[in-house]
Amino acid sequence: MLALGGVCVFSFSEVVLQQLINGLILGSFYALVALGYSMVYGIIKLLNFAHGDIYMIGAFACLSVFGVISKEIPGLAGIGLSIAAAMVLAGIIGYLVQRVAYRPMLEAPRLSLLITAIGVSLVIYNTVMLMTNGQPLFFFSGIDNSAGFSFGNIRITYVQIFMLALSATTMLALSFFISRTMMGKAMRAIALDQDACRLMGINVNKIIGSTFIIGSMLAAIAGGMACVYYGNVQYNMGYTIGIKAFTSAVIGGIGSMPGAMLGGLLLGLLEAIGTQVMTSMGMSGSAWKDVFAFGILIVMLILRPNGLMGKTDVERM
């Protein structure tokens, strides 16, 4: 770090490390939502475009619950309980969406199922818009978001540490669940062959419903984290992150759980670094953030359409 005329100037290494921290925070949001995309796509080959709206519902639920309990349970404990409550609500809504809108369409052409997903997204989006009159709501956690550790000019706050720890714990728990539990093994089996699973006595509809519940809970965790981190929620917040999470899933290999995690973290890091590069060139870095994200999506679809960890589907004749 250099000091010129009393003004602190970041060294190159400090800028890179700070952007890595920012990118990991942003990437954890993308990764959690992308996991829900990949879980659903892996089992029923559906791009659930309503998933971003579940994220938005999770954020509103976290804000509402914290507003009720914050006087009795303030701070991180209250936030944790609010996120847990948001997970329950999002899980219920995710299951109901699957049961009412998607299950009757499972034997229909994929295009019909995709149009249904878009319709569900619009229903949720417009319902929340009417309930909030299109106005943003603000979240006051009572926590000093600037409190944390400093290493030179590098700053990491307690809230960021909490979010990184929560994201890492959630991803590790999901990896264990998918790889080690009977339900996780059933999910992987259904992704390969639903008819064979039915012949083996697996309740396919129950497993699909459970997949939607888990994916919706992951989106709610990300929504609650965003509520705390950004300090406000609004009805259209699910649209952008839904597209970014889909981009993350494509980068990692849609249908792959490790790929969704990797893709989300990579996209967050690339956005943060790309924003810093454009800012250093005298341009508005935030205005270029989406350009980087969707430019990466186009390049990935051209060069490696199956993603970094995706596998080529083999059609059986």
C-alpha atoms as a PDB file:
ATOM      1  CA  MET A   1       0.000   0.000   0.000  1.00  0.00           C
ATOM      2  CA  LEU A   2       1.225   3.499  -0.854  1.00  0.00           C
ATOM      3  CA  ALA A   3       0.191   6.827   0.646  1.00  0.00           C
ATOM      4  CA  LEU A   4       0.115   9.802  -1.705  1.00  0.00           C
ATOM      5  CA  GLY A   5      -0.846  13.169  -0.234  1.00  0.00           C
ATOM      6  CA  GLY A   6      -2.643  11.507   2.684  1.00  0.00           C
ATOM      7  CA  VAL A   7      -4.706   9.290   0.341  1.00  0.00           C
ATOM      8  CA  CYS A   8      -4.302   5.509   0.624  1.00  0.00           C
ATOM      9  CA  VAL A   9      -3.574   3.764  -2.639  1.00  0.00           C
ATOM     10  CA  PHE A  10      -4.157   0.032  -2.900  1.00  0.00           C
ATOM     11  CA  SER A  11      -1.327  -2.138  -4.162  1.00  0.00           C
ATOM     12  CA  PHE A  12      -2.050  -4.567  -6.983  1.00  0.00           C
ATOM     13  CA  SER A  13      -1.999  -7.587  -4.645  1.00  0.00           C
ATOM     14  CA  GLU A  14      -4.400  -5.898  -2.215  1.00  0.00           C
ATOM     15  CA  VAL A  15      -6.835  -5.106  -5.021  1.00  0.00           C
ATOM     16  CA  VAL A  16      -6.728  -8.705  -6.246  1.00  0.00           C
ATOM     17  CA  LEU A  17      -7.260 -10.178  -2.771  1.00  0.00           C
ATOM     18  CA  GLN A  18     -10.115  -7.791  -1.985  1.00  0.00           C
ATOM     19  CA  GLN A  19     -11.833  -8.648  -5.256  1.00  0.00           C
ATOM     20  CA  LEU A  20     -11.349 -12.358  -4.546  1.00  0.00           C
ATOM     21  CA  ILE A  21     -13.231 -11.909  -1.270  1.00  0.00           C
ATOM     22  CA  ASN A  22     -15.998  -9.930  -2.989  1.00  0.00           C
ATOM     23  CA  GLY A  23     -16.177 -12.492  -5.777  1.00  0.00           C
ATOM     24  CA  LEU A  24     -16.491 -15.401  -3.355  1.00  0.00           C
ATOM     25  CA  ILE A  25     -19.407 -13.686  -1.590  1.00  0.00           C
ATOM     26  CA  LEU A  26     -21.191 -13.024  -4.875  1.00  0.00           C
ATOM     27  CA  GLY A  27     -20.314 -16.472  -6.195  1.00  0.00           C
ATOM     28  CA  SER A  28     -21.787 -18.149  -3.113  1.00  0.00           C
ATOM     29  CA  PHE A  29     -25.181 -16.591  -3.960  1.00  0.00           C
ATOM     30  CA  TYR A  30     -24.948 -17.863  -7.515  1.00  0.00           C
ATOM     31  CA  ALA A  31     -23.765 -21.323  -6.445  1.00  0.00           C
ATOM     32  CA  LEU A  32     -26.607 -21.899  -3.973  1.00  0.00           C
ATOM     33  CA  VAL A  33     -29.263 -20.961  -6.521  1.00  0.00           C
ATOM     34  CA  ALA A  34     -27.478 -22.866  -9.314  1.00  0.00           C
ATOM     35  CA  LEU A  35     -27.565 -26.028  -7.194  1.00  0.00           C
ATOM     36  CA  GLY A  36     -31.362 -25.935  -7.282  1.00  0.00           C
ATOM     37  CA  TYR A  37     -31.308 -25.532 -11.065  1.00  0.00           C
ATOM     38  CA  SER A  38     -28.959 -28.479 -11.478  1.00  0.00           C
ATOM     39  CA  MET A  39     -30.819 -30.764  -9.065  1.00  0.00           C
ATOM     40  CA  VAL A  40     -34.136 -30.291 -10.868  1.00  0.00           C
ATOM     41  CA  TYR A  41     -32.595 -30.490 -14.338  1.00  0.00           C
ATOM     42  CA  GLY A  42     -30.650 -33.601 -13.413  1.00  0.00           C
ATOM     43  CA  ILE A  43     -33.807 -35.463 -12.423  1.00  0.00           C
ATOM     44  CA  ILE A  44     -36.587 -34.297 -14.761  1.00  0.00           C
ATOM     45  CA  LYS A  45     -34.625 -32.317 -17.394  1.00  0.00           C
ATOM     46  CA  LEU A  46     -36.530 -29.130 -16.548  1.00  0.00           C
ATOM     47  CA  LEU A  47     -35.036 -25.636 -16.589  1.00  0.00           C
ATOM     48  CA  ASN A  48     -37.042 -24.326 -13.655  1.00  0.00           C
ATOM     49  CA  PHE A  49     -37.140 -20.626 -14.463  1.00  0.00           C
ATOM     50  CA  ALA A  50     -39.330 -20.051 -11.389  1.00  0.00           C
ATOM     51  CA  HIS A  51     -36.328 -20.872  -9.198  1.00  0.00           C
ATOM     52  CA  GLY A  52     -35.122 -17.267  -9.099  1.00  0.00           C
ATOM     53  CA  ASP A  53     -38.544 -16.236  -7.800  1.00  0.00           C
ATOM     54  CA  ILE A  54     -38.234 -18.775  -4.979  1.00  0.00           C
ATOM     55  CA  TYR A  55     -34.995 -16.984  -4.073  1.00  0.00           C
ATOM     56  CA  MET A  56     -36.943 -13.726  -3.965  1.00  0.00           C
ATOM     57  CA  ILE A  57     -39.621 -15.276  -1.729  1.00  0.00           C
ATOM     58  CA  GLY A  58     -36.872 -16.498   0.601  1.00  0.00           C
ATOM     59  CA  ALA A  59     -35.536 -12.943   0.905  1.00  0.00           C
ATOM     60  CA  PHE A  60     -38.991 -11.508   1.689  1.00  0.00           C
ATOM     61  CA  ALA A  61     -39.668 -14.289   4.208  1.00  0.00           C
ATOM     62  CA  CYS A  62     -36.338 -13.650   5.963  1.00  0.00           C
ATOM     63  CA  LEU A  63     -37.070  -9.927   6.183  1.00  0.00           C
ATOM     64  CA  SER A  64     -40.600 -10.489   7.505  1.00  0.00           C
ATOM     65  CA  VAL A  65     -39.633 -13.059  10.147  1.00  0.00           C
ATOM     66  CA  PHE A  66     -36.673 -11.010  11.369  1.00  0.00           C
ATOM     67  CA  GLY A  67     -38.951  -7.986  11.711  1.00  0.00           C
ATOM     68  CA  VAL A  68     -41.128 -10.015  14.109  1.00  0.00           C
ATOM     69  CA  ILE A  69     -38.420 -11.707  16.206  1.00  0.00           C
ATOM     70  CA  SER A  70     -35.614  -9.108  16.123  1.00  0.00           C
ATOM     71  CA  LYS A  71     -36.600  -7.525  19.444  1.00  0.00           C
ATOM     72  CA  GLU A  72     -36.444 -10.856  21.257  1.00  0.00           C
ATOM     73  CA  ILE A  73     -33.639 -12.488  19.255  1.00  0.00           C
ATOM     74  CA  PRO A  74     -31.402  -9.820  17.691  1.00  0.00           C
ATOM     75  CA  GLY A  75     -28.145 -10.178  15.786  1.00  0.00           C
ATOM     76  CA  LEU A  76     -26.844 -13.233  13.954  1.00  0.00           C
ATOM     77  CA  ALA A  77     -28.999 -15.624  16.009  1.00  0.00           C
ATOM     78  CA  GLY A  78     -32.157 -13.847  14.834  1.00  0.00           C
ATOM     79  CA  ILE A  79     -30.873 -13.772  11.274  1.00  0.00           C
ATOM     80  CA  GLY A  80     -30.127 -17.503  11.409  1.00  0.00           C
ATOM     81  CA  LEU A  81     -33.647 -18.285  12.658  1.00  0.00           C
ATOM     82  CA  SER A  82     -35.137 -15.997   9.996  1.00  0.00           C
ATOM     83  CA  ILE A  83     -33.236 -17.808   7.262  1.00  0.00           C
ATOM     84  CA  ALA A  84     -34.382 -21.155   8.693  1.00  0.00           C
ATOM     85  CA  ALA A  85     -38.012 -19.955   8.605  1.00  0.00           C
ATOM     86  CA  ALA A  86     -37.521 -18.741   5.023  1.00  0.00           C
ATOM     87  CA  MET A  87     -36.193 -22.194   4.108  1.00  0.00           C
ATOM     88  CA  VAL A  88     -39.350 -23.839   5.462  1.00  0.00           C
ATOM     89  CA  LEU A  89     -41.653 -21.473   3.550  1.00  0.00           C
ATOM     90  CA  ALA A  90     -39.639 -21.777   0.333  1.00  0.00           C
ATOM     91  CA  GLY A  91     -39.608 -25.570   0.660  1.00  0.00           C
ATOM     92  CA  ILE A  92     -43.403 -25.648   0.997  1.00  0.00           C
ATOM     93  CA  ILE A  93     -43.877 -23.343  -1.998  1.00  0.00           C
ATOM     94  CA  GLY A  94     -41.359 -25.325  -4.056  1.00  0.00           C
ATOM     95  CA  TYR A  95     -43.198 -28.551  -3.315  1.00  0.00           C
ATOM     96  CA  LEU A  96     -46.612 -27.040  -4.125  1.00  0.00           C
ATOM     97  CA  VAL A  97     -45.304 -25.641  -7.419  1.00  0.00           C
ATOM     98  CA  GLN A  98     -43.958 -29.082  -8.325  1.00  0.00           C
ATOM     99  CA  ARG A  99     -47.150 -30.852  -7.244  1.00  0.00           C
ATOM    100  CA  VAL A 100     -49.623 -28.503  -8.932  1.00  0.00           C
ATOM    101  CA  ALA A 101     -47.776 -27.248 -12.016  1.00  0.00           C
ATOM    102  CA  TYR A 102     -45.041 -29.718 -12.921  1.00  0.00           C
ATOM    103  CA  ARG A 103     -46.081 -33.230 -11.909  1.00  0.00           C
ATOM    104  CA  PRO A 104     -49.115 -33.354 -14.255  1.00  0.00           C
ATOM    105  CA  MET A 105     -46.776 -32.265 -17.085  1.00  0.00           C
ATOM    106  CA  LEU A 106     -43.950 -34.775 -16.566  1.00  0.00           C
ATOM    107  CA  GLU A 107     -45.042 -36.907 -19.530  1.00  0.00           C
ATOM    108  CA  ALA A 108     -45.671 -33.875 -21.748  1.00  0.00           C
ATOM    109  CA  PRO A 109     -43.116 -32.599 -24.300  1.00  0.00           C
ATOM    110  CA  ARG A 110     -40.177 -30.734 -22.751  1.00  0.00           C
ATOM    111  CA  LEU A 111     -41.260 -27.500 -24.436  1.00  0.00           C
ATOM    112  CA  SER A 112     -44.647 -27.621 -22.677  1.00  0.00           C
ATOM    113  CA  LEU A 113     -42.919 -28.122 -19.338  1.00  0.00           C
ATOM    114  CA  LEU A 114     -40.579 -25.193 -20.048  1.00  0.00           C
ATOM    115  CA  ILE A 115     -43.515 -22.894 -20.894  1.00  0.00           C
ATOM    116  CA  THR A 116     -45.202 -23.989 -17.669  1.00  0.00           C
ATOM    117  CA  ALA A 117     -42.076 -23.019 -15.712  1.00  0.00           C
ATOM    118  CA  ILE A 118     -42.110 -19.557 -17.302  1.00  0.00           C
ATOM    119  CA  GLY A 119     -45.805 -19.220 -16.421  1.00  0.00           C
ATOM    120  CA  VAL A 120     -45.165 -20.182 -12.786  1.00  0.00           C
ATOM    121  CA  SER A 121     -42.379 -17.599 -12.629  1.00  0.00           C
ATOM    122  CA  LEU A 122     -44.683 -14.856 -13.910  1.00  0.00           C
ATOM    123  CA  VAL A 123     -47.417 -15.817 -11.430  1.00  0.00           C
ATOM    124  CA  ILE A 124     -45.047 -15.587  -8.444  1.00  0.00           C
ATOM    125  CA  TYR A 125     -43.382 -12.434  -9.766  1.00  0.00           C
ATOM    126  CA  ASN A 126     -46.623 -10.529 -10.286  1.00  0.00           C
ATOM    127  CA  THR A 127     -48.207 -11.777  -7.057  1.00  0.00           C
ATOM    128  CA  VAL A 128     -45.322 -10.398  -4.983  1.00  0.00           C
ATOM    129  CA  MET A 129     -45.333  -7.176  -7.020  1.00  0.00           C
ATOM    130  CA  LEU A 130     -49.009  -6.631  -6.180  1.00  0.00           C
ATOM    131  CA  MET A 131     -48.496  -7.497  -2.507  1.00  0.00           C
ATOM    132  CA  THR A 132     -45.659  -4.961  -2.163  1.00  0.00           C
ATOM    133  CA  ASN A 133     -47.059  -2.333  -4.578  1.00  0.00           C
ATOM    134  CA  GLY A 134     -43.794  -2.649  -6.476  1.00  0.00           C
ATOM    135  CA  GLN A 135     -41.886  -0.919  -3.655  1.00  0.00           C
ATOM    136  CA  PRO A 136     -38.603  -2.177  -2.166  1.00  0.00           C
ATOM    137  CA  LEU A 137     -38.488  -3.123   1.494  1.00  0.00           C
ATOM    138  CA  PHE A 138     -35.463  -2.407   3.649  1.00  0.00           C
ATOM    139  CA  PHE A 139     -33.738  -4.744   6.080  1.00  0.00           C
ATOM    140  CA  PHE A 140     -32.209  -3.398   9.303  1.00  0.00           C
ATOM    141  CA  SER A 141     -30.225  -6.130  11.005  1.00  0.00           C
ATOM    142  CA  GLY A 142     -28.819  -3.997  13.808  1.00  0.00           C
ATOM    143  CA  ILE A 143     -25.376  -5.385  12.993  1.00  0.00           C
ATOM    144  CA  ASP A 144     -22.488  -3.146  12.043  1.00  0.00           C
ATOM    145  CA  ASN A 145     -21.763  -4.367   8.514  1.00  0.00           C
ATOM    146  CA  SER A 146     -18.388  -2.630   8.573  1.00  0.00           C
ATOM    147  CA  ALA A 147     -17.124  -4.504  11.647  1.00  0.00           C
ATOM    148  CA  GLY A 148     -14.537  -7.131  10.866  1.00  0.00           C
ATOM    149  CA  PHE A 149     -10.858  -7.754  10.232  1.00  0.00           C
ATOM    150  CA  SER A 150      -8.384  -5.627   8.322  1.00  0.00           C
ATOM    151  CA  PHE A 151      -5.127  -6.773   6.763  1.00  0.00           C
ATOM    152  CA  GLY A 152      -3.580  -3.619   5.397  1.00  0.00           C
ATOM    153  CA  ASN A 153      -6.233  -2.243   3.061  1.00  0.00           C
ATOM    154  CA  ILE A 154      -7.942  -5.631   2.723  1.00  0.00           C
ATOM    155  CA  ARG A 155     -11.212  -5.766   4.630  1.00  0.00           C
ATOM    156  CA  ILE A 156     -13.409  -8.753   5.480  1.00  0.00           C
ATOM    157  CA  THR A 157     -16.417  -8.182   7.720  1.00  0.00           C
ATOM    158  CA  TYR A 158     -18.043 -10.504  10.235  1.00  0.00           C
ATOM    159  CA  VAL A 159     -21.150 -10.621   8.042  1.00  0.00           C
ATOM    160  CA  GLN A 160     -19.058 -11.784   5.068  1.00  0.00           C
ATOM    161  CA  ILE A 161     -17.396 -14.447   7.225  1.00  0.00           C
ATOM    162  CA  PHE A 162     -20.834 -15.620   8.390  1.00  0.00           C
ATOM    163  CA  MET A 163     -22.059 -15.852   4.793  1.00  0.00           C
ATOM    164  CA  LEU A 164     -19.002 -17.713   3.544  1.00  0.00           C
ATOM    165  CA  ALA A 165     -19.218 -20.147   6.466  1.00  0.00           C
ATOM    166  CA  LEU A 166     -22.955 -20.701   5.899  1.00  0.00           C
ATOM    167  CA  SER A 167     -22.459 -21.249   2.145  1.00  0.00           C
ATOM    168  CA  ALA A 168     -19.550 -23.655   2.639  1.00  0.00           C
ATOM    169  CA  THR A 169     -21.410 -25.628   5.317  1.00  0.00           C
ATOM    170  CA  THR A 170     -24.526 -25.863   3.142  1.00  0.00           C
ATOM    171  CA  MET A 171     -22.580 -27.072   0.095  1.00  0.00           C
ATOM    172  CA  LEU A 172     -20.654 -29.664   2.119  1.00  0.00           C
ATOM    173  CA  ALA A 173     -23.881 -30.901   3.734  1.00  0.00           C
ATOM    174  CA  LEU A 174     -25.540 -31.209   0.319  1.00  0.00           C
ATOM    175  CA  SER A 175     -22.548 -33.103  -1.091  1.00  0.00           C
ATOM    176  CA  PHE A 176     -22.721 -35.541   1.827  1.00  0.00           C
ATOM    177  CA  PHE A 177     -26.495 -35.913   1.406  1.00  0.00           C
ATOM    178  CA  ILE A 178     -26.294 -36.648  -2.323  1.00  0.00           C
ATOM    179  CA  SER A 179     -23.369 -39.062  -2.081  1.00  0.00           C
ATOM    180  CA  ARG A 180     -23.996 -40.897   1.205  1.00  0.00           C
ATOM    181  CA  THR A 181     -27.717 -41.058   2.021  1.00  0.00           C
ATOM    182  CA  MET A 182     -30.310 -43.427   0.559  1.00  0.00           C
ATOM    183  CA  MET A 183     -32.444 -40.545  -0.704  1.00  0.00           C
ATOM    184  CA  GLY A 184     -29.419 -38.971  -2.361  1.00  0.00           C
ATOM    185  CA  LYS A 185     -28.602 -42.255  -4.078  1.00  0.00           C
ATOM    186  CA  ALA A 186     -32.241 -42.511  -5.180  1.00  0.00           C
ATOM    187  CA  MET A 187     -31.999 -39.026  -6.702  1.00  0.00           C
ATOM    188  CA  ARG A 188     -28.918 -40.045  -8.675  1.00  0.00           C
ATOM    189  CA  ALA A 189     -30.618 -43.254  -9.803  1.00  0.00           C
ATOM    190  CA  ILE A 190     -33.741 -41.419 -10.990  1.00  0.00           C
ATOM    191  CA  ALA A 191     -31.540 -39.036 -12.958  1.00  0.00           C
ATOM    192  CA  LEU A 192     -30.271 -42.069 -14.879  1.00  0.00           C
ATOM    193  CA  ASP A 193     -33.471 -44.073 -15.430  1.00  0.00           C
ATOM    194  CA  GLN A 194     -36.873 -43.332 -13.907  1.00  0.00           C
ATOM    195  CA  ASP A 195     -38.576 -46.447 -15.259  1.00  0.00           C
ATOM    196  CA  ALA A 196     -35.935 -48.760 -13.815  1.00  0.00           C
ATOM    197  CA  CYS A 197     -36.266 -46.989 -10.462  1.00  0.00           C
ATOM    198  CA  ARG A 198     -40.017 -47.588 -10.458  1.00  0.00           C
ATOM    199  CA  LEU A 199     -39.420 -51.278 -11.132  1.00  0.00           C
ATOM    200  CA  MET A 200     -37.033 -51.340  -8.159  1.00  0.00           C
ATOM    201  CA  GLY A 201     -39.731 -49.942  -5.871  1.00  0.00           C
ATOM    202  CA  ILE A 202     -38.506 -46.350  -5.627  1.00  0.00           C
ATOM    203  CA  ASN A 203     -41.280 -43.780  -5.202  1.00  0.00           C
ATOM    204  CA  VAL A 204     -40.199 -41.508  -8.045  1.00  0.00           C
ATOM    205  CA  ASN A 205     -42.784 -38.781  -7.396  1.00  0.00           C
ATOM    206  CA  LYS A 206     -41.751 -38.571  -3.740  1.00  0.00           C
ATOM    207  CA  ILE A 207     -38.089 -38.199  -4.660  1.00  0.00           C
ATOM    208  CA  ILE A 208     -38.869 -35.531  -7.267  1.00  0.00           C
ATOM    209  CA  GLY A 209     -40.912 -33.627  -4.683  1.00  0.00           C
ATOM    210  CA  SER A 210     -38.047 -33.863  -2.201  1.00  0.00           C
ATOM    211  CA  THR A 211     -35.676 -32.516  -4.842  1.00  0.00           C
ATOM    212  CA  PHE A 212     -37.826 -29.429  -5.317  1.00  0.00           C
ATOM    213  CA  ILE A 213     -38.022 -28.918  -1.550  1.00  0.00           C
ATOM    214  CA  ILE A 214     -34.234 -29.108  -1.112  1.00  0.00           C
ATOM    215  CA  GLY A 215     -33.536 -26.902  -4.128  1.00  0.00           C
ATOM    216  CA  SER A 216     -36.031 -24.295  -2.896  1.00  0.00           C
ATOM    217  CA  MET A 217     -34.446 -24.320   0.559  1.00  0.00           C
ATOM    218  CA  LEU A 218     -31.037 -23.650  -0.985  1.00  0.00           C
ATOM    219  CA  ALA A 219     -32.485 -20.698  -2.901  1.00  0.00           C
ATOM    220  CA  ALA A 220     -34.033 -19.391   0.331  1.00  0.00           C
ATOM    221  CA  ILE A 221     -30.634 -19.493   2.059  1.00  0.00           C
ATOM    222  CA  ALA A 222     -29.197 -17.379  -0.762  1.00  0.00           C
ATOM    223  CA  GLY A 223     -32.196 -15.022  -0.579  1.00  0.00           C
ATOM    224  CA  GLY A 224     -31.777 -14.567   3.166  1.00  0.00           C
ATOM    225  CA  MET A 225     -28.058 -13.915   2.741  1.00  0.00           C
ATOM    226  CA  ALA A 226     -28.762 -11.316   0.052  1.00  0.00           C
ATOM    227  CA  CYS A 227     -31.364  -9.681   2.304  1.00  0.00           C
ATOM    228  CA  VAL A 228     -28.736  -9.210   5.022  1.00  0.00           C
ATOM    229  CA  TYR A 229     -25.862  -8.310   2.693  1.00  0.00           C
ATOM    230  CA  TYR A 230     -27.621  -5.737   0.499  1.00  0.00           C
ATOM    231  CA  GLY A 231     -30.111  -4.449   3.082  1.00  0.00           C
ATOM    232  CA  ASN A 232     -33.162  -4.407   0.819  1.00  0.00           C
ATOM    233  CA  VAL A 233     -35.466  -6.743  -1.095  1.00  0.00           C
ATOM    234  CA  GLN A 234     -37.725  -6.116  -4.069  1.00  0.00           C
ATOM    235  CA  TYR A 235     -40.085  -8.121  -6.220  1.00  0.00           C
ATOM    236  CA  ASN A 236     -37.781  -8.248  -9.279  1.00  0.00           C
ATOM    237  CA  MET A 237     -34.601  -9.341  -7.464  1.00  0.00           C
ATOM    238  CA  GLY A 238     -35.073 -12.964  -8.513  1.00  0.00           C
ATOM    239  CA  TYR A 239     -34.904 -12.323 -12.260  1.00  0.00           C
ATOM    240  CA  THR A 240     -31.253 -11.344 -12.576  1.00  0.00           C
ATOM    241  CA  ILE A 241     -29.880 -13.863 -10.117  1.00  0.00           C
ATOM    242  CA  GLY A 242     -32.014 -16.567 -11.726  1.00  0.00           C
ATOM    243  CA  ILE A 243     -30.329 -15.912 -15.064  1.00  0.00           C
ATOM    244  CA  LYS A 244     -26.895 -15.645 -13.413  1.00  0.00           C
ATOM    245  CA  ALA A 245     -27.458 -18.915 -11.550  1.00  0.00           C
ATOM    246  CA  PHE A 246     -28.489 -20.580 -14.811  1.00  0.00           C
ATOM    247  CA  THR A 247     -25.272 -19.232 -16.346  1.00  0.00           C
ATOM    248  CA  SER A 248     -23.338 -20.695 -13.404  1.00  0.00           C
ATOM    249  CA  ALA A 249     -25.001 -24.075 -13.888  1.00  0.00           C
ATOM    250  CA  VAL A 250     -24.131 -24.044 -17.599  1.00  0.00           C
ATOM    251  CA  ILE A 251     -20.509 -23.088 -16.884  1.00  0.00           C
ATOM    252  CA  GLY A 252     -20.111 -25.906 -14.383  1.00  0.00           C
ATOM    253  CA  GLY A 253     -22.166 -28.417 -16.342  1.00  0.00           C
ATOM    254  CA  ILE A 254     -25.908 -28.343 -15.760  1.00  0.00           C
ATOM    255  CA  GLY A 255     -27.052 -31.396 -13.858  1.00  0.00           C
ATOM    256  CA  SER A 256     -23.727 -31.666 -11.999  1.00  0.00           C
ATOM    257  CA  MET A 257     -23.747 -30.689  -8.309  1.00  0.00           C
ATOM    258  CA  PRO A 258     -19.988 -30.022  -8.083  1.00  0.00           C
ATOM    259  CA  GLY A 259     -20.254 -28.201 -11.408  1.00  0.00           C
ATOM    260  CA  ALA A 260     -22.962 -25.876 -10.069  1.00  0.00           C
ATOM    261  CA  MET A 261     -20.809 -25.005  -7.058  1.00  0.00           C
ATOM    262  CA  LEU A 262     -17.728 -24.457  -9.210  1.00  0.00           C
ATOM    263  CA  GLY A 263     -19.628 -22.486 -11.852  1.00  0.00           C
ATOM    264  CA  GLY A 264     -21.211 -20.161  -9.282  1.00  0.00           C
ATOM    265  CA  LEU A 265     -17.929 -19.386  -7.567  1.00  0.00           C
ATOM    266  CA  LEU A 266     -16.117 -18.892 -10.878  1.00  0.00           C
ATOM    267  CA  LEU A 267     -18.787 -16.552 -12.205  1.00  0.00           C
ATOM    268  CA  GLY A 268     -18.685 -14.472  -9.022  1.00  0.00           C
ATOM    269  CA  LEU A 269     -14.898 -14.211  -9.172  1.00  0.00           C
ATOM    270  CA  LEU A 270     -14.872 -13.342 -12.877  1.00  0.00           C
ATOM    271  CA  GLU A 271     -17.521 -10.650 -12.387  1.00  0.00           C
ATOM    272  CA  ALA A 272     -15.648  -9.090  -9.469  1.00  0.00           C
ATOM    273  CA  ILE A 273     -12.290  -9.100 -11.278  1.00  0.00           C
ATOM    274  CA  GLY A 274     -13.830  -7.927 -14.559  1.00  0.00           C
ATOM    275  CA  THR A 275     -15.589  -5.064 -12.774  1.00  0.00           C
ATOM    276  CA  GLN A 276     -12.300  -3.993 -11.180  1.00  0.00           C
ATOM    277  CA  VAL A 277     -10.485  -4.125 -14.530  1.00  0.00           C
ATOM    278  CA  MET A 278     -13.091  -1.918 -16.219  1.00  0.00           C
ATOM    279  CA  THR A 279     -13.053   0.509 -13.281  1.00  0.00           C
ATOM    280  CA  SER A 280      -9.269   0.794 -13.484  1.00  0.00           C
ATOM    281  CA  MET A 281      -9.679   1.727 -17.161  1.00  0.00           C
ATOM    282  CA  GLY A 282     -11.902   4.663 -16.214  1.00  0.00           C
ATOM    283  CA  MET A 283     -15.188   2.968 -17.145  1.00  0.00           C
ATOM    284  CA  SER A 284     -18.207   2.129 -14.999  1.00  0.00           C
ATOM    285  CA  GLY A 285     -17.306  -1.359 -13.810  1.00  0.00           C
ATOM    286  CA  SER A 286     -20.774  -2.209 -12.489  1.00  0.00           C
ATOM    287  CA  ALA A 287     -22.314  -1.425 -15.876  1.00  0.00           C
ATOM    288  CA  TRP A 288     -20.070  -4.073 -17.456  1.00  0.00           C
ATOM    289  CA  LYS A 289     -20.787  -6.800 -14.893  1.00  0.00           C
ATOM    290  CA  ASP A 290     -23.660  -8.400 -16.809  1.00  0.00           C
ATOM    291  CA  VAL A 291     -21.697  -8.131 -20.054  1.00  0.00           C
ATOM    292  CA  PHE A 292     -18.981 -10.295 -18.528  1.00  0.00           C
ATOM    293  CA  ALA A 293     -21.485 -12.822 -17.164  1.00  0.00           C
ATOM    294  CA  PHE A 294     -23.419 -13.387 -20.363  1.00  0.00           C
ATOM    295  CA  GLY A 295     -20.337 -13.084 -22.556  1.00  0.00           C
ATOM    296  CA  ILE A 296     -18.855 -15.977 -20.584  1.00  0.00           C
ATOM    297  CA  LEU A 297     -22.091 -17.925 -21.109  1.00  0.00           C
ATOM    298  CA  ILE A 298     -21.909 -17.475 -24.891  1.00  0.00           C
ATOM    299  CA  VAL A 299     -18.237 -18.470 -25.024  1.00  0.00           C
ATOM    300  CA  MET A 300     -18.888 -21.542 -22.860  1.00  0.00           C
ATOM    301  CA  LEU A 301     -21.814 -22.680 -25.011  1.00  0.00           C
ATOM    302  CA  ILE A 302     -19.634 -22.372 -28.119  1.00  0.00           C
ATOM    303  CA  LEU A 303     -16.455 -23.981 -26.800  1.00  0.00           C
ATOM    304  CA  ARG A 304     -17.723 -26.433 -24.188  1.00  0.00           C
ATOM    305  CA  PRO A 305     -21.526 -26.784 -24.291  1.00  0.00           C
ATOM    306  CA  ASN A 306     -21.521 -29.523 -21.627  1.00  0.00           C
ATOM    307  CA  GLY A 307     -19.765 -27.269 -19.110  1.00  0.00           C
ATOM    308  CA  LEU A 308     -16.582 -27.802 -17.136  1.00  0.00           C
ATOM    309  CA  MET A 309     -17.855 -30.861 -15.273  1.00  0.00           C
ATOM    310  CA  GLY A 310     -20.816 -31.883 -17.403  1.00  0.00           C
ATOM    311  CA  LYS A 311     -21.159 -35.161 -19.219  1.00  0.00           C
ATOM    312  CA  THR A 312     -22.428 -35.884 -22.713  1.00  0.00           C
ATOM    313  CA  ASP A 313     -25.827 -37.574 -22.641  1.00  0.00           C
ATOM    314  CA  VAL A 314     -25.946 -40.845 -24.539  1.00  0.00           C
ATOM    315  CA  GLU A 315     -29.265 -41.657 -26.161  1.00  0.00           C
ATOM    316  CA  ARG A 316     -30.198 -45.342 -25.912  1.00  0.00           C
ATOM    317  CA  MET A 317     -31.841 -46.795 -29.002  1.00  0.00           C
END
